[in-house]
Amino acid sequence: MTTVRLPLFPLNSVLFPGLVLPLNVFEERYRAMMRDLLKSGEEESRRFAVVAIRDGREVAPTAPGLPDQTALPERGPAAGFGADPIQAFHRVGCVADAATIREREDGSFEVLATGTTRVRLLSVDASGPYLTAELEELPEDAGDGSGALALGVLRAFRSYQQRLAGARERSLSTTGAELPEEPSVVSYLVAAAAVLDIPAKQRLLQAPDTATRLAEELKLLRAETAVIRHLPSLPAVELTRAPTSPN
């Protein structure tokens, strides 16, 4: 078992290997994390782990709130995640490699990172200025029939894109040449691009192998395409684009 200890960045979203993650970092705990990542200047040390929040707040309260206007705002690395922060997170996440960390004049950071490797959360340490975690790296096994499943998922994904964007806007059939063929890459691309809620995306991230993930995506895409077909109006194309995290 290969384990690694990395800074931990919880988000209200799921990061997949290969997915680009833009971050607007303004909370002090995450500013401290980025300052430390910049200090070493080493590529290896610019990694941090992203986990999806199961129960908690991505941004800690900074002022008294309802129903108690006298309640003090939460402080510290685990603010918003309860007394035992590991319980607030999904246990499978993804390592992010920060290609760009740019500090602004106000001390906040603009960060551009890319998901690399799936990891399982083993423990969380809240003793420092930000959360750190001990993580187990998860291998990506192909599983049985992943190649054939990837082809089926790509076909279903093209149909899903057409329905989502509106077939009258423009044909997306030419995008086939731009899509990857390697099954694991296909599985992560589709998981990231599909308009699904966090629990569904989390199930795809933690699938035991590529074939299982692709089989689940095939079911989801067919079901979502059927639903969209019967909607009176189609969702905006912008819904397929991952937004910048506010922190």
Protein backbone atom coordinates (compact mmCIF):
# COMPACT_ATOMS: atom_id res chain seq x y z
CA MET A 1 0.00 0.00 0.00
CA THR A 2 1.45 3.35 -1.10
CA THR A 3 0.54 6.22 1.19
CA VAL A 4 1.28 9.92 1.00
CA ARG A 5 0.62 12.95 3.23
CA LEU A 6 -0.67 16.04 1.45
CA PRO A 7 -2.53 19.28 2.17
CA LEU A 8 -6.28 18.73 1.97
CA PHE A 9 -8.65 21.01 0.04
CA PRO A 10 -12.33 20.05 0.54
CA LEU A 11 -14.75 21.28 -2.13
CA ASN A 12 -18.43 21.08 -2.98
CA SER A 13 -17.46 19.28 -6.18
CA VAL A 14 -15.73 16.11 -7.34
CA LEU A 15 -12.32 16.27 -9.02
CA PHE A 16 -11.41 13.56 -11.56
CA PRO A 17 -7.99 12.64 -12.97
CA GLY A 18 -7.33 14.76 -16.04
CA LEU A 19 -9.86 17.45 -15.09
CA VAL A 20 -8.62 21.05 -14.92
CA LEU A 21 -9.57 22.75 -11.65
CA PRO A 22 -9.53 26.58 -11.38
CA LEU A 23 -9.61 27.91 -7.81
CA ASN A 24 -10.15 31.37 -6.36
CA VAL A 25 -8.46 31.05 -2.95
CA PHE A 26 -9.41 33.69 -0.39
CA GLU A 27 -9.83 31.96 3.00
CA GLU A 28 -6.78 32.31 5.25
CA ARG A 29 -6.38 28.56 5.82
CA TYR A 30 -6.12 27.95 2.07
CA ARG A 31 -3.97 31.04 1.53
CA ALA A 32 -1.53 29.53 4.03
CA MET A 33 -1.61 26.29 2.05
CA MET A 34 -0.76 28.06 -1.20
CA ARG A 35 2.02 30.07 0.43
CA ASP A 36 3.58 26.84 1.66
CA LEU A 37 3.24 25.21 -1.76
CA LEU A 38 5.04 28.17 -3.31
CA LYS A 39 7.88 28.19 -0.78
CA SER A 40 9.52 24.95 -1.85
CA GLY A 41 9.41 25.64 -5.58
CA GLU A 42 9.49 21.90 -6.17
CA GLU A 43 7.00 20.35 -8.56
CA GLU A 44 6.33 17.42 -6.25
CA SER A 45 5.38 19.68 -3.35
CA ARG A 46 2.79 21.63 -5.36
CA ARG A 47 0.37 18.76 -4.95
CA PHE A 48 -2.67 18.76 -2.71
CA ALA A 49 -5.64 16.44 -2.33
CA VAL A 50 -9.22 17.39 -3.19
CA VAL A 51 -12.14 15.61 -1.52
CA ALA A 52 -15.84 16.27 -1.95
CA ILE A 53 -17.68 17.51 1.11
CA ARG A 54 -20.34 15.11 2.38
CA ASP A 55 -21.56 17.20 5.32
CA GLY A 56 -20.18 20.68 5.95
CA ARG A 57 -19.47 24.09 4.42
CA GLU A 58 -16.93 24.79 1.70
CA VAL A 59 -16.53 28.35 3.01
CA ALA A 60 -16.48 28.83 6.79
CA PRO A 61 -18.93 31.36 8.30
CA THR A 62 -17.20 34.68 8.91
CA ALA A 63 -20.02 36.55 10.66
CA PRO A 64 -22.87 35.80 13.11
CA GLY A 65 -25.69 34.00 11.37
CA LEU A 66 -29.20 32.68 11.79
CA PRO A 67 -30.78 31.71 14.04
CA ASP A 68 -28.24 32.96 16.61
CA GLN A 69 -27.01 36.44 15.68
CA THR A 70 -24.58 36.36 18.62
CA ALA A 71 -22.82 33.15 17.53
CA LEU A 72 -19.14 33.63 16.90
CA PRO A 73 -17.77 32.82 13.43
CA GLU A 74 -15.79 29.61 13.09
CA ARG A 75 -12.01 29.74 12.85
CA GLY A 76 -9.21 27.29 12.19
CA PRO A 77 -8.36 24.64 9.61
CA ALA A 78 -11.44 22.50 10.31
CA ALA A 79 -13.98 25.35 10.40
CA GLY A 80 -17.29 24.24 8.92
CA PHE A 81 -16.45 20.53 9.11
CA GLY A 82 -17.32 19.62 12.70
CA ALA A 83 -15.31 18.20 15.58
CA ASP A 84 -14.13 15.17 13.57
CA PRO A 85 -13.55 16.57 10.06
CA ILE A 86 -12.89 13.22 8.34
CA GLN A 87 -16.57 12.39 8.88
CA ALA A 88 -17.54 15.43 6.77
CA PHE A 89 -15.75 14.19 3.64
CA HIS A 90 -16.21 11.48 1.06
CA ARG A 91 -13.41 8.97 1.51
CA VAL A 92 -12.20 8.82 -2.12
CA GLY A 93 -10.71 11.95 -3.65
CA CYS A 94 -8.14 13.02 -6.20
CA VAL A 95 -4.65 14.51 -6.07
CA ALA A 96 -4.37 17.91 -7.74
CA ASP A 97 -1.14 19.18 -9.31
CA ALA A 98 -1.00 22.99 -9.24
CA ALA A 99 0.52 24.19 -12.50
CA THR A 100 -0.17 27.84 -11.66
CA ILE A 101 -0.33 29.57 -8.27
CA ARG A 102 -0.56 33.33 -8.62
CA GLU A 103 -0.84 35.64 -5.61
CA ARG A 104 -2.94 38.77 -6.04
CA GLU A 105 -2.28 42.13 -4.41
CA ASP A 106 -4.96 41.49 -1.76
CA GLY A 107 -3.28 38.24 -0.68
CA SER A 108 -5.76 35.91 -2.34
CA PHE A 109 -4.61 33.39 -4.93
CA GLU A 110 -5.57 32.36 -8.42
CA VAL A 111 -4.78 28.66 -8.84
CA LEU A 112 -4.99 26.35 -11.83
CA ALA A 113 -4.55 22.66 -11.02
CA THR A 114 -5.13 19.33 -12.75
CA GLY A 115 -6.40 16.12 -11.22
CA THR A 116 -3.87 13.29 -11.39
CA THR A 117 -4.38 10.24 -9.15
CA ARG A 118 -7.29 8.85 -7.15
CA VAL A 119 -6.66 8.50 -3.43
CA ARG A 120 -8.47 7.10 -0.41
CA LEU A 121 -8.65 9.27 2.70
CA LEU A 122 -7.15 7.45 5.71
CA SER A 123 -6.82 10.20 8.31
CA VAL A 124 -7.09 13.97 8.68
CA ASP A 125 -4.80 16.20 10.76
CA ALA A 126 -6.16 19.57 11.92
CA SER A 127 -3.19 20.60 14.06
CA GLY A 128 -1.65 23.00 11.52
CA PRO A 129 -2.85 26.15 9.75
CA TYR A 130 -4.73 24.00 7.22
CA LEU A 131 -5.92 20.41 7.00
CA THR A 132 -3.50 17.70 5.92
CA ALA A 133 -4.34 14.08 5.22
CA GLU A 134 -2.75 10.67 5.00
CA LEU A 135 -3.85 9.14 1.71
CA GLU A 136 -3.65 5.77 -0.01
CA GLU A 137 -3.10 5.90 -3.76
CA LEU A 138 -5.69 3.87 -5.67
CA PRO A 139 -4.74 1.97 -8.83
CA GLU A 140 -6.90 2.24 -11.94
CA ASP A 141 -7.70 -1.30 -13.09
CA ALA A 142 -9.24 -1.75 -16.54
CA GLY A 143 -11.77 -4.44 -15.66
CA ASP A 144 -13.47 -6.72 -18.19
CA GLY A 145 -14.68 -5.30 -21.50
CA SER A 146 -13.60 -1.72 -20.88
CA GLY A 147 -12.68 -1.15 -24.54
CA ALA A 148 -16.11 -2.06 -25.90
CA LEU A 149 -17.83 -0.17 -23.09
CA ALA A 150 -15.79 2.96 -23.88
CA LEU A 151 -17.06 2.93 -27.47
CA GLY A 152 -20.64 2.62 -26.27
CA VAL A 153 -20.16 5.43 -23.76
CA LEU A 154 -18.71 7.73 -26.44
CA ARG A 155 -21.74 7.11 -28.68
CA ALA A 156 -24.12 7.74 -25.78
CA PHE A 157 -22.17 10.84 -24.76
CA ARG A 158 -22.44 12.37 -28.25
CA SER A 159 -26.21 11.84 -28.18
CA TYR A 160 -26.35 13.32 -24.68
CA GLN A 161 -24.36 16.40 -25.81
CA GLN A 162 -26.66 16.94 -28.76
CA ARG A 163 -29.75 16.76 -26.58
CA LEU A 164 -28.23 18.98 -23.91
CA ALA A 165 -27.00 21.68 -26.29
CA GLY A 166 -29.98 21.49 -28.65
CA ALA A 167 -29.60 19.72 -31.96
CA ARG A 168 -30.70 22.83 -33.85
CA GLU A 169 -27.80 24.95 -32.50
CA ARG A 170 -25.09 23.00 -34.22
CA SER A 171 -24.14 19.41 -34.88
CA LEU A 172 -21.72 17.88 -32.42
CA SER A 173 -21.06 14.81 -34.53
CA THR A 174 -17.69 16.18 -35.61
CA THR A 175 -16.43 16.17 -32.02
CA GLY A 176 -15.85 12.44 -32.23
CA ALA A 177 -12.34 12.98 -33.59
CA GLU A 178 -11.54 15.16 -30.57
CA LEU A 179 -12.61 12.64 -27.95
CA PRO A 180 -10.07 10.19 -26.49
CA GLU A 181 -10.16 6.43 -27.03
CA GLU A 182 -8.32 5.13 -23.95
CA PRO A 183 -11.07 3.67 -21.72
CA SER A 184 -9.97 5.20 -18.40
CA VAL A 185 -9.59 8.64 -19.98
CA VAL A 186 -13.03 8.31 -21.58
CA SER A 187 -14.54 7.31 -18.25
CA TYR A 188 -13.12 10.33 -16.41
CA LEU A 189 -13.91 12.79 -19.20
CA VAL A 190 -17.55 11.73 -19.32
CA ALA A 191 -17.84 11.68 -15.54
CA ALA A 192 -16.55 15.25 -15.35
CA ALA A 193 -18.58 16.61 -18.29
CA ALA A 194 -21.98 15.08 -17.54
CA VAL A 195 -24.43 17.24 -15.59
CA LEU A 196 -24.80 15.04 -12.49
CA ASP A 197 -25.11 15.72 -8.78
CA ILE A 198 -22.22 15.20 -6.37
CA PRO A 199 -23.33 11.76 -5.09
CA ALA A 200 -23.53 10.43 -8.67
CA LYS A 201 -20.12 11.87 -9.59
CA GLN A 202 -18.65 10.52 -6.36
CA ARG A 203 -19.90 7.02 -7.17
CA LEU A 204 -18.19 7.25 -10.55
CA LEU A 205 -14.92 8.44 -9.00
CA GLN A 206 -14.78 5.57 -6.53
CA ALA A 207 -15.80 2.82 -8.97
CA PRO A 208 -13.57 -0.25 -8.45
CA ASP A 209 -12.38 -0.30 -12.08
CA THR A 210 -12.76 1.44 -15.43
CA ALA A 211 -15.27 -1.06 -16.82
CA THR A 212 -17.60 -0.61 -13.82
CA ARG A 213 -17.41 3.17 -14.19
CA LEU A 214 -18.14 3.01 -17.92
CA ALA A 215 -21.08 0.64 -17.43
CA GLU A 216 -22.59 3.00 -14.86
CA GLU A 217 -22.02 5.99 -17.17
CA LEU A 218 -23.78 4.21 -20.01
CA LYS A 219 -26.87 3.76 -17.83
CA LEU A 220 -26.74 7.35 -16.60
CA LEU A 221 -26.26 8.87 -20.06
CA ARG A 222 -29.12 6.89 -21.56
CA ALA A 223 -31.40 7.83 -18.68
CA GLU A 224 -30.43 11.52 -18.75
CA THR A 225 -30.80 11.70 -22.54
CA ALA A 226 -34.29 10.21 -22.30
CA VAL A 227 -35.27 12.77 -19.66
CA ILE A 228 -33.89 15.71 -21.67
CA ARG A 229 -35.75 14.48 -24.77
CA HIS A 230 -39.06 15.01 -22.98
CA LEU A 231 -38.27 18.37 -21.38
CA PRO A 232 -40.21 21.37 -22.73
CA SER A 233 -36.95 23.34 -22.92
CA LEU A 234 -33.33 22.29 -22.97
CA PRO A 235 -30.76 23.29 -20.32
CA ALA A 236 -28.13 25.85 -21.30
CA VAL A 237 -24.89 24.61 -22.79
CA GLU A 238 -23.02 26.43 -20.01
CA LEU A 239 -24.23 23.81 -17.52
CA THR A 240 -21.74 21.35 -19.00
CA ARG A 241 -18.80 23.56 -18.06
CA ALA A 242 -17.20 23.26 -14.66
CA PRO A 243 -17.34 26.61 -12.80
CA THR A 244 -14.46 28.16 -10.91
CA SER A 245 -14.64 27.20 -7.27
CA PRO A 246 -15.15 30.23 -5.02
CA ASN A 247 -12.58 28.72 -2.66
